[in-house]
Amino acid sequence: GPGPAAPGFTLYYSHQCPYTAKYVPVVRAVAEAAGVSFQEVRLKSAAEAQACPSPWPTYSLFYNGAFVTNEILSGKKMAQLIDQLCG
């Protein structure tokens, strides 16, 4: 799959937390509406989680290869983040 150095946002997540599955499509839609590249990598096994480039495989958001947050973002918070990063 895509590595964390891909341009735009890359989100690594697992369904370990029920909130994650709910908010992944929300943040994807916000990014796409803003015209920002967004890809997601769902981690389905312990081995995949261990290979994740972040210590937070449940939810890790990268932007242009840099780790941004492990906080599960609402649509509003994602929009604020895009404003900050993509100005």
PDB file of N, CA and C in Angstrom:
ATOM      1  N   GLY A   1       0.813  -1.202   0.000  1.00  0.00           N
ATOM      2  CA  GLY A   1       0.000   0.000   0.000  1.00  0.00           C
ATOM      3  C   GLY A   1       0.847   1.253   0.000  1.00  0.00           C
ATOM      4  N   PRO A   2       0.216   2.415   0.026  1.00  0.00           N
ATOM      5  CA  PRO A   2       0.952   3.678  -0.004  1.00  0.00           C
ATOM      6  C   PRO A   2       1.744   3.868   1.286  1.00  0.00           C
ATOM      7  N   GLY A   3       2.921   4.415   1.161  1.00  0.00           N
ATOM      8  CA  GLY A   3       3.734   4.699   2.339  1.00  0.00           C
ATOM      9  C   GLY A   3       3.378   6.048   2.921  1.00  0.00           C
ATOM     10  N   PRO A   4       3.867   6.342   4.125  1.00  0.00           N
ATOM     11  CA  PRO A   4       3.536   7.604   4.779  1.00  0.00           C
ATOM     12  C   PRO A   4       4.123   8.809   4.055  1.00  0.00           C
ATOM     13  N   ALA A   5       5.084   8.592   3.137  1.00  0.00           N
ATOM     14  CA  ALA A   5       5.702   9.717   2.430  1.00  0.00           C
ATOM     15  C   ALA A   5       4.884  10.150   1.213  1.00  0.00           C
ATOM     16  N   ALA A   6       3.761   9.486   0.945  1.00  0.00           N
ATOM     17  CA  ALA A   6       2.909   9.875  -0.181  1.00  0.00           C
ATOM     18  C   ALA A   6       2.433  11.314   0.019  1.00  0.00           C
ATOM     19  N   PRO A   7       2.232  12.061  -1.080  1.00  0.00           N
ATOM     20  CA  PRO A   7       1.763  13.440  -0.924  1.00  0.00           C
ATOM     21  C   PRO A   7       0.346  13.494  -0.370  1.00  0.00           C
ATOM     22  N   GLY A   8       0.051  14.577   0.352  1.00  0.00           N
ATOM     23  CA  GLY A   8      -1.261  14.728   0.966  1.00  0.00           C
ATOM     24  C   GLY A   8      -1.357  13.916   2.243  1.00  0.00           C
ATOM     25  N   PHE A   9      -2.571  13.545   2.586  1.00  0.00           N
ATOM     26  CA  PHE A   9      -2.810  12.826   3.836  1.00  0.00           C
ATOM     27  C   PHE A   9      -2.788  11.320   3.627  1.00  0.00           C
ATOM     28  N   THR A  10      -2.173  10.614   4.560  1.00  0.00           N
ATOM     29  CA  THR A  10      -2.258   9.159   4.619  1.00  0.00           C
ATOM     30  C   THR A  10      -2.689   8.800   6.038  1.00  0.00           C
ATOM     31  N   LEU A  11      -3.774   8.066   6.141  1.00  0.00           N
ATOM     32  CA  LEU A  11      -4.299   7.672   7.447  1.00  0.00           C
ATOM     33  C   LEU A  11      -4.143   6.168   7.626  1.00  0.00           C
ATOM     34  N   TYR A  12      -3.445   5.783   8.673  1.00  0.00           N
ATOM     35  CA  TYR A  12      -3.358   4.376   9.066  1.00  0.00           C
ATOM     36  C   TYR A  12      -4.347   4.169  10.190  1.00  0.00           C
ATOM     37  N   TYR A  13      -5.145   3.117  10.096  1.00  0.00           N
ATOM     38  CA  TYR A  13      -6.130   2.886  11.151  1.00  0.00           C
ATOM     39  C   TYR A  13      -6.494   1.412  11.226  1.00  0.00           C
ATOM     40  N   SER A  14      -7.073   1.056  12.354  1.00  0.00           N
ATOM     41  CA  SER A  14      -7.634  -0.287  12.517  1.00  0.00           C
ATOM     42  C   SER A  14      -9.030  -0.135  13.099  1.00  0.00           C
ATOM     43  N   HIS A  15      -9.804  -1.201  13.062  1.00  0.00           N
ATOM     44  CA  HIS A  15     -11.157  -1.155  13.618  1.00  0.00           C
ATOM     45  C   HIS A  15     -11.177  -1.563  15.084  1.00  0.00           C
ATOM     46  N   GLN A  16     -10.033  -1.454  15.721  1.00  0.00           N
ATOM     47  CA  GLN A  16      -9.939  -1.758  17.152  1.00  0.00           C
ATOM     48  C   GLN A  16     -10.877  -0.847  17.952  1.00  0.00           C
ATOM     49  N   CYS A  17     -11.003   0.382  17.482  1.00  0.00           N
ATOM     50  CA  CYS A  17     -11.866   1.362  18.145  1.00  0.00           C
ATOM     51  C   CYS A  17     -13.072   1.636  17.252  1.00  0.00           C
ATOM     52  N   PRO A  18     -14.309   1.521  17.758  1.00  0.00           N
ATOM     53  CA  PRO A  18     -15.485   1.713  16.904  1.00  0.00           C
ATOM     54  C   PRO A  18     -15.601   3.129  16.339  1.00  0.00           C
ATOM     55  N   TYR A  19     -15.058   4.124  17.033  1.00  0.00           N
ATOM     56  CA  TYR A  19     -15.123   5.497  16.529  1.00  0.00           C
ATOM     57  C   TYR A  19     -14.327   5.643  15.234  1.00  0.00           C
ATOM     58  N   THR A  20     -13.247   4.891  15.124  1.00  0.00           N
ATOM     59  CA  THR A  20     -12.383   5.029  13.957  1.00  0.00           C
ATOM     60  C   THR A  20     -13.154   4.783  12.674  1.00  0.00           C
ATOM     61  N   ALA A  21     -13.881   3.683  12.613  1.00  0.00           N
ATOM     62  CA  ALA A  21     -14.622   3.331  11.399  1.00  0.00           C
ATOM     63  C   ALA A  21     -15.639   4.406  11.054  1.00  0.00           C
ATOM     64  N   LYS A  22     -16.224   5.028  12.053  1.00  0.00           N
ATOM     65  CA  LYS A  22     -17.227   6.070  11.837  1.00  0.00           C
ATOM     66  C   LYS A  22     -16.605   7.325  11.236  1.00  0.00           C
ATOM     67  N   TYR A  23     -15.407   7.692  11.708  1.00  0.00           N
ATOM     68  CA  TYR A  23     -14.829   8.980  11.318  1.00  0.00           C
ATOM     69  C   TYR A  23     -13.902   8.936  10.113  1.00  0.00           C
ATOM     70  N   VAL A  24     -13.443   7.760   9.697  1.00  0.00           N
ATOM     71  CA  VAL A  24     -12.578   7.701   8.515  1.00  0.00           C
ATOM     72  C   VAL A  24     -13.275   8.289   7.279  1.00  0.00           C
ATOM     73  N   PRO A  25     -14.520   7.882   6.958  1.00  0.00           N
ATOM     74  CA  PRO A  25     -15.165   8.477   5.783  1.00  0.00           C
ATOM     75  C   PRO A  25     -15.434   9.975   5.943  1.00  0.00           C
ATOM     76  N   VAL A  26     -15.622  10.431   7.178  1.00  0.00           N
ATOM     77  CA  VAL A  26     -15.878  11.853   7.431  1.00  0.00           C
ATOM     78  C   VAL A  26     -14.640  12.679   7.076  1.00  0.00           C
ATOM     79  N   VAL A  27     -13.468  12.273   7.589  1.00  0.00           N
ATOM     80  CA  VAL A  27     -12.260  13.061   7.314  1.00  0.00           C
ATOM     81  C   VAL A  27     -11.854  12.934   5.845  1.00  0.00           C
ATOM     82  N   ARG A  28     -12.097  11.763   5.246  1.00  0.00           N
ATOM     83  CA  ARG A  28     -11.801  11.602   3.816  1.00  0.00           C
ATOM     84  C   ARG A  28     -12.627  12.598   3.004  1.00  0.00           C
ATOM     85  N   ALA A  29     -13.929  12.704   3.318  1.00  0.00           N
ATOM     86  CA  ALA A  29     -14.812  13.605   2.586  1.00  0.00           C
ATOM     87  C   ALA A  29     -14.378  15.067   2.741  1.00  0.00           C
ATOM     88  N   VAL A  30     -13.940  15.446   3.938  1.00  0.00           N
ATOM     89  CA  VAL A  30     -13.488  16.822   4.174  1.00  0.00           C
ATOM     90  C   VAL A  30     -12.235  17.117   3.342  1.00  0.00           C
ATOM     91  N   ALA A  31     -11.290  16.172   3.332  1.00  0.00           N
ATOM     92  CA  ALA A  31     -10.061  16.359   2.553  1.00  0.00           C
ATOM     93  C   ALA A  31     -10.380  16.460   1.067  1.00  0.00           C
ATOM     94  N   GLU A  32     -11.223  15.561   0.581  1.00  0.00           N
ATOM     95  CA  GLU A  32     -11.559  15.561  -0.844  1.00  0.00           C
ATOM     96  C   GLU A  32     -12.286  16.848  -1.232  1.00  0.00           C
ATOM     97  N   ALA A  33     -13.177  17.332  -0.363  1.00  0.00           N
ATOM     98  CA  ALA A  33     -13.894  18.577  -0.639  1.00  0.00           C
ATOM     99  C   ALA A  33     -12.930  19.759  -0.713  1.00  0.00           C
ATOM    100  N   ALA A  34     -11.819  19.667   0.046  1.00  0.00           N
ATOM    101  CA  ALA A  34     -10.812  20.733   0.043  1.00  0.00           C
ATOM    102  C   ALA A  34      -9.802  20.544  -1.088  1.00  0.00           C
ATOM    103  N   GLY A  35      -9.957  19.459  -1.845  1.00  0.00           N
ATOM    104  CA  GLY A  35      -9.042  19.207  -2.954  1.00  0.00           C
ATOM    105  C   GLY A  35      -7.683  18.692  -2.521  1.00  0.00           C
ATOM    106  N   VAL A  36      -7.629  18.061  -1.334  1.00  0.00           N
ATOM    107  CA  VAL A  36      -6.371  17.549  -0.803  1.00  0.00           C
ATOM    108  C   VAL A  36      -6.348  16.029  -0.945  1.00  0.00           C
ATOM    109  N   SER A  37      -5.231  15.510  -1.404  1.00  0.00           N
ATOM    110  CA  SER A  37      -5.082  14.060  -1.564  1.00  0.00           C
ATOM    111  C   SER A  37      -5.265  13.356  -0.223  1.00  0.00           C
ATOM    112  N   PHE A  38      -6.013  12.256  -0.233  1.00  0.00           N
ATOM    113  CA  PHE A  38      -6.255  11.500   1.002  1.00  0.00           C
ATOM    114  C   PHE A  38      -6.287  10.022   0.673  1.00  0.00           C
ATOM    115  N   GLN A  39      -5.467   9.266   1.359  1.00  0.00           N
ATOM    116  CA  GLN A  39      -5.544   7.814   1.209  1.00  0.00           C
ATOM    117  C   GLN A  39      -5.520   7.182   2.584  1.00  0.00           C
ATOM    118  N   GLU A  40      -6.134   6.021   2.657  1.00  0.00           N
ATOM    119  CA  GLU A  40      -6.208   5.350   3.950  1.00  0.00           C
ATOM    120  C   GLU A  40      -5.649   3.947   3.829  1.00  0.00           C
ATOM    121  N   VAL A  41      -5.058   3.497   4.926  1.00  0.00           N
ATOM    122  CA  VAL A  41      -4.494   2.157   5.003  1.00  0.00           C
ATOM    123  C   VAL A  41      -5.092   1.500   6.231  1.00  0.00           C
ATOM    124  N   ARG A  42      -5.992   0.552   6.006  1.00  0.00           N
ATOM    125  CA  ARG A  42      -6.593  -0.160   7.140  1.00  0.00           C
ATOM    126  C   ARG A  42      -5.685  -1.307   7.539  1.00  0.00           C
ATOM    127  N   LEU A  43      -5.307  -1.326   8.797  1.00  0.00           N
ATOM    128  CA  LEU A  43      -4.442  -2.379   9.332  1.00  0.00           C
ATOM    129  C   LEU A  43      -5.334  -3.488   9.863  1.00  0.00           C
ATOM    130  N   LYS A  44      -5.192  -4.683   9.274  1.00  0.00           N
ATOM    131  CA  LYS A  44      -6.118  -5.765   9.601  1.00  0.00           C
ATOM    132  C   LYS A  44      -5.519  -6.844  10.489  1.00  0.00           C
ATOM    133  N   SER A  45      -4.213  -6.784  10.721  1.00  0.00           N
ATOM    134  CA  SER A  45      -3.587  -7.834  11.528  1.00  0.00           C
ATOM    135  C   SER A  45      -2.557  -7.226  12.463  1.00  0.00           C
ATOM    136  N   ALA A  46      -2.155  -8.002  13.449  1.00  0.00           N
ATOM    137  CA  ALA A  46      -1.121  -7.546  14.375  1.00  0.00           C
ATOM    138  C   ALA A  46       0.178  -7.268  13.627  1.00  0.00           C
ATOM    139  N   ALA A  47       0.502  -8.102  12.646  1.00  0.00           N
ATOM    140  CA  ALA A  47       1.736  -7.901  11.877  1.00  0.00           C
ATOM    141  C   ALA A  47       1.690  -6.581  11.110  1.00  0.00           C
ATOM    142  N   GLU A  48       0.536  -6.273  10.511  1.00  0.00           N
ATOM    143  CA  GLU A  48       0.402  -5.001   9.803  1.00  0.00           C
ATOM    144  C   GLU A  48       0.516  -3.836  10.775  1.00  0.00           C
ATOM    145  N   ALA A  49      -0.085  -3.978  11.946  1.00  0.00           N
ATOM    146  CA  ALA A  49      -0.019  -2.910  12.943  1.00  0.00           C
ATOM    147  C   ALA A  49       1.424  -2.686  13.385  1.00  0.00           C
ATOM    148  N   GLN A  50       2.176  -3.771  13.560  1.00  0.00           N
ATOM    149  CA  GLN A  50       3.570  -3.645  13.975  1.00  0.00           C
ATOM    150  C   GLN A  50       4.423  -2.998  12.882  1.00  0.00           C
ATOM    151  N   ALA A  51       4.022  -3.168  11.622  1.00  0.00           N
ATOM    152  CA  ALA A  51       4.760  -2.577  10.499  1.00  0.00           C
ATOM    153  C   ALA A  51       4.352  -1.126  10.246  1.00  0.00           C
ATOM    154  N   CYS A  52       3.323  -0.663  10.925  1.00  0.00           N
ATOM    155  CA  CYS A  52       2.855   0.711  10.766  1.00  0.00           C
ATOM    156  C   CYS A  52       3.981   1.674  11.135  1.00  0.00           C
ATOM    157  N   PRO A  53       4.164   2.751  10.368  1.00  0.00           N
ATOM    158  CA  PRO A  53       5.275   3.672  10.644  1.00  0.00           C
ATOM    159  C   PRO A  53       5.049   4.573  11.856  1.00  0.00           C
ATOM    160  N   SER A  54       4.038   4.288  12.649  1.00  0.00           N
ATOM    161  CA  SER A  54       3.738   5.083  13.834  1.00  0.00           C
ATOM    162  C   SER A  54       3.480   4.161  15.012  1.00  0.00           C
ATOM    163  N   PRO A  55       3.760   4.635  16.232  1.00  0.00           N
ATOM    164  CA  PRO A  55       3.454   3.805  17.411  1.00  0.00           C
ATOM    165  C   PRO A  55       1.961   3.719  17.721  1.00  0.00           C
ATOM    166  N   TRP A  56       1.110   4.422  16.966  1.00  0.00           N
ATOM    167  CA  TRP A  56      -0.333   4.411  17.197  1.00  0.00           C
ATOM    168  C   TRP A  56      -1.059   3.811  15.996  1.00  0.00           C
ATOM    169  N   PRO A  57      -1.024   2.500  15.836  1.00  0.00           N
ATOM    170  CA  PRO A  57      -1.641   1.912  14.647  1.00  0.00           C
ATOM    171  C   PRO A  57      -3.167   1.997  14.641  1.00  0.00           C
ATOM    172  N   THR A  58      -3.785   2.294  15.784  1.00  0.00           N
ATOM    173  CA  THR A  58      -5.241   2.409  15.810  1.00  0.00           C
ATOM    174  C   THR A  58      -5.700   3.587  14.966  1.00  0.00           C
ATOM    175  N   TYR A  59      -4.892   4.670  14.958  1.00  0.00           N
ATOM    176  CA  TYR A  59      -5.244   5.867  14.182  1.00  0.00           C
ATOM    177  C   TYR A  59      -4.005   6.754  14.123  1.00  0.00           C
ATOM    178  N   SER A  60      -3.418   6.871  12.948  1.00  0.00           N
ATOM    179  CA  SER A  60      -2.250   7.736  12.761  1.00  0.00           C
ATOM    180  C   SER A  60      -2.388   8.474  11.446  1.00  0.00           C
ATOM    181  N   LEU A  61      -2.393   9.798  11.527  1.00  0.00           N
ATOM    182  CA  LEU A  61      -2.547  10.620  10.331  1.00  0.00           C
ATOM    183  C   LEU A  61      -1.216  11.275   9.981  1.00  0.00           C
ATOM    184  N   PHE A  62      -0.815  11.101   8.714  1.00  0.00           N
ATOM    185  CA  PHE A  62       0.400  11.721   8.199  1.00  0.00           C
ATOM    186  C   PHE A  62       0.015  12.745   7.132  1.00  0.00           C
ATOM    187  N   TYR A  63       0.849  13.794   6.994  1.00  0.00           N
ATOM    188  CA  TYR A  63       0.678  14.752   5.900  1.00  0.00           C
ATOM    189  C   TYR A  63       2.030  14.938   5.230  1.00  0.00           C
ATOM    190  N   ASN A  64       2.096  14.637   3.931  1.00  0.00           N
ATOM    191  CA  ASN A  64       3.342  14.714   3.168  1.00  0.00           C
ATOM    192  C   ASN A  64       4.483  13.992   3.881  1.00  0.00           C
ATOM    193  N   GLY A  65       4.172  12.858   4.479  1.00  0.00           N
ATOM    194  CA  GLY A  65       5.196  12.034   5.107  1.00  0.00           C
ATOM    195  C   GLY A  65       5.499  12.362   6.554  1.00  0.00           C
ATOM    196  N   ALA A  66       4.921  13.432   7.083  1.00  0.00           N
ATOM    197  CA  ALA A  66       5.176  13.815   8.473  1.00  0.00           C
ATOM    198  C   ALA A  66       3.996  13.400   9.342  1.00  0.00           C
ATOM    199  N   PHE A  67       4.293  12.809  10.494  1.00  0.00           N
ATOM    200  CA  PHE A  67       3.231  12.427  11.422  1.00  0.00           C
ATOM    201  C   PHE A  67       2.529  13.680  11.915  1.00  0.00           C
ATOM    202  N   VAL A  68       1.192  13.672  11.900  1.00  0.00           N
ATOM    203  CA  VAL A  68       0.420  14.839  12.331  1.00  0.00           C
ATOM    204  C   VAL A  68      -0.251  14.590  13.675  1.00  0.00           C
ATOM    205  N   THR A  69      -1.037  13.517  13.772  1.00  0.00           N
ATOM    206  CA  THR A  69      -1.791  13.303  15.012  1.00  0.00           C
ATOM    207  C   THR A  69      -2.261  11.857  15.120  1.00  0.00           C
ATOM    208  N   ASN A  70      -2.496  11.435  16.345  1.00  0.00           N
ATOM    209  CA  ASN A  70      -3.165  10.154  16.583  1.00  0.00           C
ATOM    210  C   ASN A  70      -4.538  10.396  17.202  1.00  0.00           C
ATOM    211  N   GLU A  71      -4.986  11.655  17.201  1.00  0.00           N
ATOM    212  CA  GLU A  71      -6.330  12.000  17.681  1.00  0.00           C
ATOM    213  C   GLU A  71      -7.332  11.697  16.573  1.00  0.00           C
ATOM    214  N   ILE A  72      -8.413  11.005  16.920  1.00  0.00           N
ATOM    215  CA  ILE A  72      -9.462  10.729  15.942  1.00  0.00           C
ATOM    216  C   ILE A  72     -10.210  12.037  15.693  1.00  0.00           C
ATOM    217  N   LEU A  73     -10.100  12.539  14.467  1.00  0.00           N
ATOM    218  CA  LEU A  73     -10.601  13.866  14.151  1.00  0.00           C
ATOM    219  C   LEU A  73     -12.057  13.852  13.707  1.00  0.00           C
ATOM    220  N   SER A  74     -12.787  14.863  14.145  1.00  0.00           N
ATOM    221  CA  SER A  74     -14.129  15.126  13.613  1.00  0.00           C
ATOM    222  C   SER A  74     -13.959  15.850  12.278  1.00  0.00           C
ATOM    223  N   GLY A  75     -15.035  15.992  11.539  1.00  0.00           N
ATOM    224  CA  GLY A  75     -14.970  16.739  10.299  1.00  0.00           C
ATOM    225  C   GLY A  75     -14.492  18.168  10.521  1.00  0.00           C
ATOM    226  N   LYS A  76     -14.974  18.808  11.592  1.00  0.00           N
ATOM    227  CA  LYS A  76     -14.595  20.189  11.900  1.00  0.00           C
ATOM    228  C   LYS A  76     -13.103  20.287  12.206  1.00  0.00           C
ATOM    229  N   LYS A  77     -12.593  19.346  12.995  1.00  0.00           N
ATOM    230  CA  LYS A  77     -11.168  19.385  13.339  1.00  0.00           C
ATOM    231  C   LYS A  77     -10.303  19.095  12.116  1.00  0.00           C
ATOM    232  N   MET A  78     -10.775  18.203  11.243  1.00  0.00           N
ATOM    233  CA  MET A  78     -10.035  17.917  10.017  1.00  0.00           C
ATOM    234  C   MET A  78      -9.975  19.174   9.144  1.00  0.00           C
ATOM    235  N   ALA A  79     -11.081  19.894   9.040  1.00  0.00           N
ATOM    236  CA  ALA A  79     -11.113  21.124   8.257  1.00  0.00           C
ATOM    237  C   ALA A  79     -10.135  22.161   8.822  1.00  0.00           C
ATOM    238  N   GLN A  80     -10.065  22.274  10.145  1.00  0.00           N
ATOM    239  CA  GLN A  80      -9.129  23.195  10.785  1.00  0.00           C
ATOM    240  C   GLN A  80      -7.686  22.781  10.484  1.00  0.00           C
ATOM    241  N   LEU A  81      -7.423  21.482  10.535  1.00  0.00           N
ATOM    242  CA  LEU A  81      -6.087  20.964  10.261  1.00  0.00           C
ATOM    243  C   LEU A  81      -5.682  21.265   8.819  1.00  0.00           C
ATOM    244  N   ILE A  82      -6.595  21.070   7.891  1.00  0.00           N
ATOM    245  CA  ILE A  82      -6.308  21.368   6.488  1.00  0.00           C
ATOM    246  C   ILE A  82      -6.006  22.853   6.319  1.00  0.00           C
ATOM    247  N   ASP A  83      -6.749  23.713   7.003  1.00  0.00           N
ATOM    248  CA  ASP A  83      -6.482  25.155   6.945  1.00  0.00           C
ATOM    249  C   ASP A  83      -5.072  25.464   7.436  1.00  0.00           C
ATOM    250  N   GLN A  84      -4.674  24.801   8.532  1.00  0.00           N
ATOM    251  CA  GLN A  84      -3.336  25.038   9.102  1.00  0.00           C
ATOM    252  C   GLN A  84      -2.239  24.530   8.158  1.00  0.00           C
ATOM    253  N   LEU A  85      -2.402  23.316   7.650  1.00  0.00           N
ATOM    254  CA  LEU A  85      -1.335  22.669   6.882  1.00  0.00           C
ATOM    255  C   LEU A  85      -1.292  23.114   5.430  1.00  0.00           C
ATOM    256  N   CYS A  86      -2.448  23.389   4.870  1.00  0.00           N
ATOM    257  CA  CYS A  86      -2.524  23.657   3.436  1.00  0.00           C
ATOM    258  C   CYS A  86      -2.801  25.128   3.162  1.00  0.00           C
ATOM    259  N   GLY A  87      -3.007  25.885   4.225  1.00  0.00           N
ATOM    260  CA  GLY A  87      -3.199  27.318   4.229  1.00  0.00           C
ATOM    261  C   GLY A  87      -3.904  27.876   3.048  1.00  0.00           C
TER     262      GLY A  87
END
